[in-house]
Amino acid sequence: MIKIKSFNIGSEKLYRQALEIRRKVFIDGQNVDPALEIGNEEKCTHYLILLDGQPIGTARWRETEKGVKLERFAILGEYRNLGYGSKILDKVMADIIPLGRMIYLNSQLKAMNYYQRRGFIKTGEIFKEAGIDHYLMVRKTD
């Protein structure tokens, strides 16, 4: 059974589980500097996707002066390409679309096609974030 929980950093157990997934995916898996991976935590609404009670993925969003920024989407390796990323993205989008603000994210190159299929448009030039090539992507308005 799949459950998606939204929370803030005050929900310590859920937050620790999300950080553990982010550690595995970004720090261990992509060699992201731990100092760059953690930031703006208290400003975010965080999500955890659980499969039969086990955390398998996480995401977060926060409001900025530009709009709503999606961040730290991470699914554990063995659960990728099985639709779990779409489930958590759908939940995040359902929560933020009613805010009526621009929705954007910084996509790694390998995730760009996924986000394009989900209604995001590549904007601007390629840039490095945490040593990884990214593009700014903005969600098309309906």
N, C-alpha and C. Protein backbone atom coordinates (compact mmCIF):
# COMPACT_ATOMS: atom_id res chain seq x y z
N MET A 1 0.84 -1.18 0.00
CA MET A 1 0.00 0.00 0.00
C MET A 1 0.88 1.25 0.00
N ILE A 2 0.49 2.23 -0.79
CA ILE A 2 1.24 3.48 -0.90
C ILE A 2 0.57 4.56 -0.08
N LYS A 3 1.38 5.29 0.69
CA LYS A 3 0.91 6.46 1.43
C LYS A 3 1.89 7.58 1.17
N ILE A 4 1.37 8.79 1.05
CA ILE A 4 2.22 9.97 0.93
C ILE A 4 1.86 10.91 2.06
N LYS A 5 2.85 11.26 2.84
CA LYS A 5 2.65 12.15 3.99
C LYS A 5 3.34 13.47 3.73
N SER A 6 2.66 14.56 4.04
CA SER A 6 3.30 15.88 4.01
C SER A 6 3.54 16.30 5.45
N PHE A 7 4.62 17.05 5.66
CA PHE A 7 5.01 17.40 7.03
C PHE A 7 5.99 18.56 6.99
N ASN A 8 6.28 19.08 8.19
CA ASN A 8 7.36 20.06 8.32
C ASN A 8 8.44 19.44 9.21
N ILE A 9 9.53 20.17 9.40
CA ILE A 9 10.66 19.56 10.12
C ILE A 9 10.34 19.29 11.58
N GLY A 10 9.23 19.80 12.08
CA GLY A 10 8.81 19.48 13.45
C GLY A 10 8.39 18.03 13.61
N SER A 11 8.05 17.37 12.52
CA SER A 11 7.72 15.93 12.55
C SER A 11 9.03 15.18 12.42
N GLU A 12 9.71 15.03 13.55
CA GLU A 12 11.10 14.59 13.55
C GLU A 12 11.33 13.23 12.90
N LYS A 13 10.47 12.26 13.16
CA LYS A 13 10.69 10.92 12.59
C LYS A 13 10.59 10.97 11.06
N LEU A 14 9.56 11.61 10.55
CA LEU A 14 9.38 11.71 9.10
C LEU A 14 10.53 12.50 8.47
N TYR A 15 10.92 13.57 9.12
CA TYR A 15 12.02 14.40 8.61
C TYR A 15 13.32 13.60 8.56
N ARG A 16 13.62 12.84 9.61
CA ARG A 16 14.84 12.01 9.62
C ARG A 16 14.80 10.98 8.49
N GLN A 17 13.63 10.38 8.25
CA GLN A 17 13.50 9.41 7.17
C GLN A 17 13.73 10.07 5.81
N ALA A 18 13.19 11.27 5.62
CA ALA A 18 13.40 12.00 4.37
C ALA A 18 14.88 12.32 4.19
N LEU A 19 15.53 12.79 5.25
CA LEU A 19 16.96 13.11 5.16
C LEU A 19 17.79 11.87 4.83
N GLU A 20 17.40 10.73 5.34
CA GLU A 20 18.14 9.49 5.05
C GLU A 20 18.03 9.13 3.56
N ILE A 21 16.86 9.29 2.99
CA ILE A 21 16.70 9.05 1.55
C ILE A 21 17.54 10.04 0.77
N ARG A 22 17.49 11.31 1.13
CA ARG A 22 18.28 12.32 0.43
C ARG A 22 19.77 12.03 0.55
N ARG A 23 20.21 11.53 1.71
CA ARG A 23 21.62 11.18 1.88
C ARG A 23 22.00 10.09 0.89
N LYS A 24 21.17 9.03 0.83
CA LYS A 24 21.47 7.91 -0.07
C LYS A 24 21.49 8.34 -1.53
N VAL A 25 20.51 9.14 -1.93
CA VAL A 25 20.37 9.51 -3.34
C VAL A 25 21.38 10.59 -3.74
N PHE A 26 21.46 11.66 -2.97
CA PHE A 26 22.28 12.80 -3.39
C PHE A 26 23.72 12.73 -2.89
N ILE A 27 23.91 12.48 -1.62
CA ILE A 27 25.27 12.52 -1.05
C ILE A 27 26.04 11.26 -1.44
N ASP A 28 25.48 10.09 -1.15
CA ASP A 28 26.16 8.84 -1.48
C ASP A 28 26.10 8.55 -2.98
N GLY A 29 24.94 8.72 -3.59
CA GLY A 29 24.74 8.33 -4.97
C GLY A 29 25.28 9.30 -6.01
N GLN A 30 25.29 10.61 -5.68
CA GLN A 30 25.72 11.61 -6.67
C GLN A 30 26.89 12.47 -6.18
N ASN A 31 27.43 12.11 -5.03
CA ASN A 31 28.58 12.82 -4.46
C ASN A 31 28.33 14.30 -4.21
N VAL A 32 27.10 14.65 -3.85
CA VAL A 32 26.78 16.04 -3.50
C VAL A 32 27.36 16.32 -2.12
N ASP A 33 27.98 17.48 -1.99
CA ASP A 33 28.54 17.93 -0.71
C ASP A 33 27.40 18.02 0.31
N PRO A 34 27.53 17.36 1.46
CA PRO A 34 26.46 17.41 2.47
C PRO A 34 26.08 18.83 2.87
N ALA A 35 27.03 19.75 2.85
CA ALA A 35 26.74 21.14 3.22
C ALA A 35 25.81 21.80 2.20
N LEU A 36 25.83 21.32 0.96
CA LEU A 36 24.96 21.89 -0.08
C LEU A 36 23.59 21.22 -0.10
N GLU A 37 23.51 20.02 0.41
CA GLU A 37 22.26 19.26 0.34
C GLU A 37 21.23 19.76 1.36
N ILE A 38 21.70 20.22 2.50
CA ILE A 38 20.79 20.69 3.56
C ILE A 38 20.69 22.21 3.48
N GLY A 39 19.48 22.72 3.50
CA GLY A 39 19.28 24.16 3.49
C GLY A 39 17.81 24.50 3.31
N ASN A 40 17.40 25.60 3.89
CA ASN A 40 16.02 26.09 3.80
C ASN A 40 15.00 25.08 4.33
N GLU A 41 15.44 24.18 5.17
CA GLU A 41 14.57 23.09 5.63
C GLU A 41 13.29 23.59 6.31
N GLU A 42 13.44 24.60 7.15
CA GLU A 42 12.29 25.09 7.91
C GLU A 42 11.30 25.85 7.04
N LYS A 43 11.71 26.29 5.85
CA LYS A 43 10.83 27.04 4.94
C LYS A 43 10.02 26.12 4.04
N CYS A 44 10.28 24.82 4.10
CA CYS A 44 9.70 23.88 3.14
C CYS A 44 8.55 23.06 3.72
N THR A 45 7.69 22.65 2.81
CA THR A 45 6.75 21.57 3.08
C THR A 45 7.39 20.33 2.49
N HIS A 46 7.58 19.33 3.33
CA HIS A 46 8.27 18.09 2.94
C HIS A 46 7.25 16.98 2.72
N TYR A 47 7.67 15.98 1.93
CA TYR A 47 6.82 14.82 1.63
C TYR A 47 7.64 13.56 1.75
N LEU A 48 6.97 12.50 2.14
CA LEU A 48 7.58 11.18 2.20
C LEU A 48 6.59 10.21 1.58
N ILE A 49 7.06 9.39 0.64
CA ILE A 49 6.21 8.34 0.07
C ILE A 49 6.63 7.02 0.71
N LEU A 50 5.62 6.31 1.22
CA LEU A 50 5.86 5.04 1.91
C LEU A 50 5.19 3.92 1.14
N LEU A 51 5.89 2.82 1.00
CA LEU A 51 5.37 1.61 0.38
C LEU A 51 5.31 0.55 1.47
N ASP A 52 4.11 0.11 1.79
CA ASP A 52 3.91 -0.85 2.88
C ASP A 52 4.62 -0.39 4.16
N GLY A 53 4.54 0.91 4.43
CA GLY A 53 5.11 1.48 5.66
C GLY A 53 6.58 1.85 5.58
N GLN A 54 7.26 1.48 4.50
CA GLN A 54 8.69 1.77 4.35
C GLN A 54 8.90 3.01 3.50
N PRO A 55 9.70 3.98 3.98
CA PRO A 55 9.96 5.18 3.18
C PRO A 55 10.81 4.85 1.96
N ILE A 56 10.32 5.27 0.77
CA ILE A 56 11.06 4.97 -0.47
C ILE A 56 11.38 6.22 -1.28
N GLY A 57 10.80 7.37 -0.90
CA GLY A 57 11.06 8.58 -1.65
C GLY A 57 10.65 9.81 -0.88
N THR A 58 11.15 10.95 -1.35
CA THR A 58 10.88 12.20 -0.67
C THR A 58 10.88 13.34 -1.67
N ALA A 59 10.33 14.47 -1.26
CA ALA A 59 10.31 15.69 -2.05
C ALA A 59 10.01 16.84 -1.10
N ARG A 60 10.16 18.06 -1.62
CA ARG A 60 9.78 19.23 -0.84
C ARG A 60 9.50 20.39 -1.78
N TRP A 61 8.83 21.41 -1.25
CA TRP A 61 8.62 22.65 -1.98
C TRP A 61 8.68 23.81 -1.00
N ARG A 62 8.97 24.98 -1.58
CA ARG A 62 8.97 26.19 -0.76
C ARG A 62 8.59 27.38 -1.63
N GLU A 63 8.03 28.38 -0.98
CA GLU A 63 7.71 29.61 -1.68
C GLU A 63 8.94 30.50 -1.71
N THR A 64 9.18 31.12 -2.86
CA THR A 64 10.26 32.08 -3.04
C THR A 64 9.65 33.35 -3.63
N GLU A 65 10.48 34.35 -3.83
CA GLU A 65 9.94 35.57 -4.46
C GLU A 65 9.51 35.32 -5.90
N LYS A 66 10.06 34.28 -6.54
CA LYS A 66 9.71 33.96 -7.93
C LYS A 66 8.44 33.14 -8.05
N GLY A 67 8.14 32.36 -7.04
CA GLY A 67 6.98 31.47 -7.10
C GLY A 67 7.16 30.31 -6.14
N VAL A 68 6.74 29.13 -6.58
CA VAL A 68 6.88 27.91 -5.77
C VAL A 68 7.97 27.05 -6.41
N LYS A 69 9.00 26.74 -5.63
CA LYS A 69 10.13 25.97 -6.12
C LYS A 69 10.05 24.53 -5.61
N LEU A 70 10.06 23.58 -6.54
CA LEU A 70 10.09 22.16 -6.20
C LEU A 70 11.54 21.75 -6.02
N GLU A 71 11.81 20.95 -4.99
CA GLU A 71 13.19 20.59 -4.67
C GLU A 71 13.28 19.19 -4.09
N ARG A 72 14.47 18.63 -4.15
CA ARG A 72 14.88 17.40 -3.46
C ARG A 72 13.97 16.22 -3.74
N PHE A 73 13.54 16.09 -4.99
CA PHE A 73 12.78 14.90 -5.38
C PHE A 73 13.76 13.74 -5.46
N ALA A 74 13.53 12.71 -4.68
CA ALA A 74 14.46 11.59 -4.61
C ALA A 74 13.69 10.30 -4.34
N ILE A 75 13.91 9.32 -5.19
CA ILE A 75 13.34 7.98 -5.00
C ILE A 75 14.52 7.03 -4.88
N LEU A 76 14.47 6.13 -3.90
CA LEU A 76 15.55 5.16 -3.74
C LEU A 76 15.71 4.35 -5.03
N GLY A 77 16.94 4.01 -5.36
CA GLY A 77 17.27 3.38 -6.64
C GLY A 77 16.41 2.20 -7.02
N GLU A 78 16.16 1.31 -6.10
CA GLU A 78 15.42 0.09 -6.43
C GLU A 78 13.93 0.35 -6.71
N TYR A 79 13.46 1.57 -6.44
CA TYR A 79 12.05 1.90 -6.66
C TYR A 79 11.85 2.89 -7.81
N ARG A 80 12.91 3.22 -8.52
CA ARG A 80 12.80 4.16 -9.63
C ARG A 80 12.17 3.50 -10.85
N ASN A 81 11.56 4.34 -11.67
CA ASN A 81 10.91 3.90 -12.92
C ASN A 81 9.76 2.93 -12.67
N LEU A 82 9.13 3.05 -11.51
CA LEU A 82 7.97 2.22 -11.19
C LEU A 82 6.72 3.07 -10.91
N GLY A 83 6.83 4.39 -11.17
CA GLY A 83 5.69 5.28 -11.00
C GLY A 83 5.61 6.00 -9.67
N TYR A 84 6.52 5.71 -8.75
CA TYR A 84 6.45 6.35 -7.43
C TYR A 84 6.80 7.83 -7.49
N GLY A 85 7.73 8.21 -8.36
CA GLY A 85 8.06 9.62 -8.53
C GLY A 85 6.86 10.41 -9.02
N SER A 86 6.10 9.82 -9.93
CA SER A 86 4.90 10.50 -10.43
C SER A 86 3.85 10.65 -9.34
N LYS A 87 3.74 9.65 -8.49
CA LYS A 87 2.76 9.73 -7.40
C LYS A 87 3.09 10.87 -6.44
N ILE A 88 4.35 11.01 -6.08
CA ILE A 88 4.71 12.07 -5.15
C ILE A 88 4.61 13.44 -5.84
N LEU A 89 5.00 13.52 -7.11
CA LEU A 89 4.86 14.78 -7.85
C LEU A 89 3.39 15.16 -7.97
N ASP A 90 2.51 14.20 -8.25
CA ASP A 90 1.08 14.49 -8.33
C ASP A 90 0.56 15.07 -7.02
N LYS A 91 0.98 14.51 -5.90
CA LYS A 91 0.53 15.00 -4.60
C LYS A 91 1.04 16.42 -4.36
N VAL A 92 2.32 16.67 -4.66
CA VAL A 92 2.88 18.00 -4.48
C VAL A 92 2.11 19.00 -5.36
N MET A 93 1.91 18.66 -6.62
CA MET A 93 1.22 19.57 -7.54
C MET A 93 -0.21 19.85 -7.07
N ALA A 94 -0.90 18.84 -6.59
CA ALA A 94 -2.26 19.04 -6.09
C ALA A 94 -2.28 20.03 -4.93
N ASP A 95 -1.22 20.01 -4.13
CA ASP A 95 -1.14 20.92 -2.98
C ASP A 95 -0.75 22.34 -3.38
N ILE A 96 0.05 22.50 -4.43
CA ILE A 96 0.57 23.84 -4.73
C ILE A 96 -0.15 24.57 -5.87
N ILE A 97 -0.78 23.87 -6.78
CA ILE A 97 -1.49 24.55 -7.87
C ILE A 97 -2.51 25.56 -7.34
N PRO A 98 -3.26 25.22 -6.29
CA PRO A 98 -4.23 26.20 -5.77
C PRO A 98 -3.59 27.51 -5.28
N LEU A 99 -2.28 27.52 -5.05
CA LEU A 99 -1.63 28.76 -4.61
C LEU A 99 -1.58 29.80 -5.71
N GLY A 100 -1.74 29.37 -6.97
CA GLY A 100 -1.79 30.29 -8.09
C GLY A 100 -0.48 30.99 -8.42
N ARG A 101 0.63 30.41 -8.07
CA ARG A 101 1.94 31.01 -8.30
C ARG A 101 2.70 30.23 -9.37
N MET A 102 3.71 30.87 -9.95
CA MET A 102 4.56 30.17 -10.90
C MET A 102 5.21 28.98 -10.18
N ILE A 103 5.32 27.85 -10.88
CA ILE A 103 5.93 26.65 -10.31
C ILE A 103 7.18 26.35 -11.13
N TYR A 104 8.30 26.16 -10.45
CA TYR A 104 9.56 25.93 -11.16
C TYR A 104 10.45 24.99 -10.37
N LEU A 105 11.50 24.51 -11.06
CA LEU A 105 12.48 23.63 -10.43
C LEU A 105 13.77 23.67 -11.21
N ASN A 106 14.83 23.22 -10.60
CA ASN A 106 16.11 23.03 -11.27
C ASN A 106 16.26 21.54 -11.53
N SER A 107 16.20 21.15 -12.80
CA SER A 107 16.23 19.74 -13.15
C SER A 107 17.62 19.29 -13.57
N GLN A 108 18.05 18.16 -13.02
CA GLN A 108 19.25 17.51 -13.54
C GLN A 108 18.95 17.06 -14.97
N LEU A 109 19.97 17.01 -15.80
CA LEU A 109 19.77 16.65 -17.22
C LEU A 109 19.04 15.33 -17.37
N LYS A 110 19.39 14.34 -16.55
CA LYS A 110 18.79 13.02 -16.71
C LYS A 110 17.30 12.98 -16.36
N ALA A 111 16.79 14.02 -15.67
CA ALA A 111 15.38 14.06 -15.30
C ALA A 111 14.56 14.99 -16.19
N MET A 112 15.21 15.67 -17.12
CA MET A 112 14.51 16.67 -17.92
C MET A 112 13.34 16.11 -18.73
N ASN A 113 13.52 14.98 -19.39
CA ASN A 113 12.43 14.41 -20.19
C ASN A 113 11.22 14.08 -19.32
N TYR A 114 11.48 13.58 -18.13
CA TYR A 114 10.40 13.29 -17.19
C TYR A 114 9.59 14.55 -16.90
N TYR A 115 10.29 15.63 -16.53
CA TYR A 115 9.59 16.86 -16.19
C TYR A 115 8.91 17.48 -17.41
N GLN A 116 9.50 17.35 -18.58
CA GLN A 116 8.85 17.85 -19.79
C GLN A 116 7.53 17.12 -20.03
N ARG A 117 7.52 15.82 -19.83
CA ARG A 117 6.27 15.04 -19.98
C ARG A 117 5.23 15.48 -18.96
N ARG A 118 5.69 16.04 -17.85
CA ARG A 118 4.79 16.48 -16.78
C ARG A 118 4.42 17.96 -16.90
N GLY A 119 4.73 18.60 -18.03
CA GLY A 119 4.28 19.95 -18.28
C GLY A 119 5.27 21.06 -17.97
N PHE A 120 6.52 20.72 -17.73
CA PHE A 120 7.54 21.73 -17.46
C PHE A 120 8.31 22.03 -18.74
N ILE A 121 8.75 23.28 -18.87
CA ILE A 121 9.49 23.74 -20.05
C ILE A 121 10.88 24.18 -19.63
N LYS A 122 11.89 23.71 -20.37
CA LYS A 122 13.28 24.11 -20.15
C LYS A 122 13.41 25.60 -20.43
N THR A 123 14.09 26.30 -19.53
CA THR A 123 14.25 27.75 -19.65
C THR A 123 15.71 28.12 -19.43
N GLY A 124 16.24 28.97 -20.27
CA GLY A 124 17.59 29.48 -20.05
C GLY A 124 18.68 28.51 -20.45
N GLU A 125 19.85 28.79 -19.92
CA GLU A 125 21.06 28.03 -20.25
C GLU A 125 21.36 27.00 -19.17
N ILE A 126 22.14 26.01 -19.55
CA ILE A 126 22.58 24.99 -18.61
C ILE A 126 23.44 25.64 -17.53
N PHE A 127 23.34 25.14 -16.29
CA PHE A 127 24.16 25.64 -15.20
C PHE A 127 24.50 24.49 -14.26
N LYS A 128 25.50 24.72 -13.45
CA LYS A 128 25.92 23.71 -12.47
C LYS A 128 25.33 24.05 -11.11
N GLU A 129 24.84 23.02 -10.46
CA GLU A 129 24.37 23.12 -9.08
C GLU A 129 24.90 21.89 -8.38
N ALA A 130 25.65 22.09 -7.31
CA ALA A 130 26.30 20.99 -6.58
C ALA A 130 27.17 20.15 -7.52
N GLY A 131 27.76 20.81 -8.53
CA GLY A 131 28.64 20.12 -9.46
C GLY A 131 27.93 19.29 -10.52
N ILE A 132 26.61 19.41 -10.62
CA ILE A 132 25.80 18.62 -11.55
C ILE A 132 25.10 19.58 -12.52
N ASP A 133 25.10 19.23 -13.81
CA ASP A 133 24.44 20.06 -14.82
C ASP A 133 22.92 20.06 -14.62
N HIS A 134 22.34 21.26 -14.70
CA HIS A 134 20.90 21.48 -14.52
C HIS A 134 20.37 22.47 -15.54
N TYR A 135 19.05 22.44 -15.71
CA TYR A 135 18.32 23.49 -16.40
C TYR A 135 17.19 23.95 -15.49
N LEU A 136 16.89 25.23 -15.55
CA LEU A 136 15.69 25.75 -14.92
C LEU A 136 14.50 25.28 -15.75
N MET A 137 13.48 24.79 -15.09
CA MET A 137 12.27 24.36 -15.77
C MET A 137 11.08 25.01 -15.10
N VAL A 138 10.15 25.52 -15.92
CA VAL A 138 8.97 26.21 -15.43
C VAL A 138 7.75 25.46 -15.93
N ARG A 139 6.77 25.33 -15.08
CA ARG A 139 5.56 24.61 -15.46
C ARG A 139 4.70 25.46 -16.38
N LYS A 140 4.23 24.84 -17.45
CA LYS A 140 3.33 25.51 -18.36
C LYS A 140 2.05 25.86 -17.61
N THR A 141 1.49 27.01 -17.92
CA THR A 141 0.21 27.36 -17.32
C THR A 141 -0.91 26.71 -18.13
N ASP A 142 -1.95 26.34 -17.45
CA ASP A 142 -3.08 25.66 -18.13
C ASP A 142 -3.99 26.66 -18.81
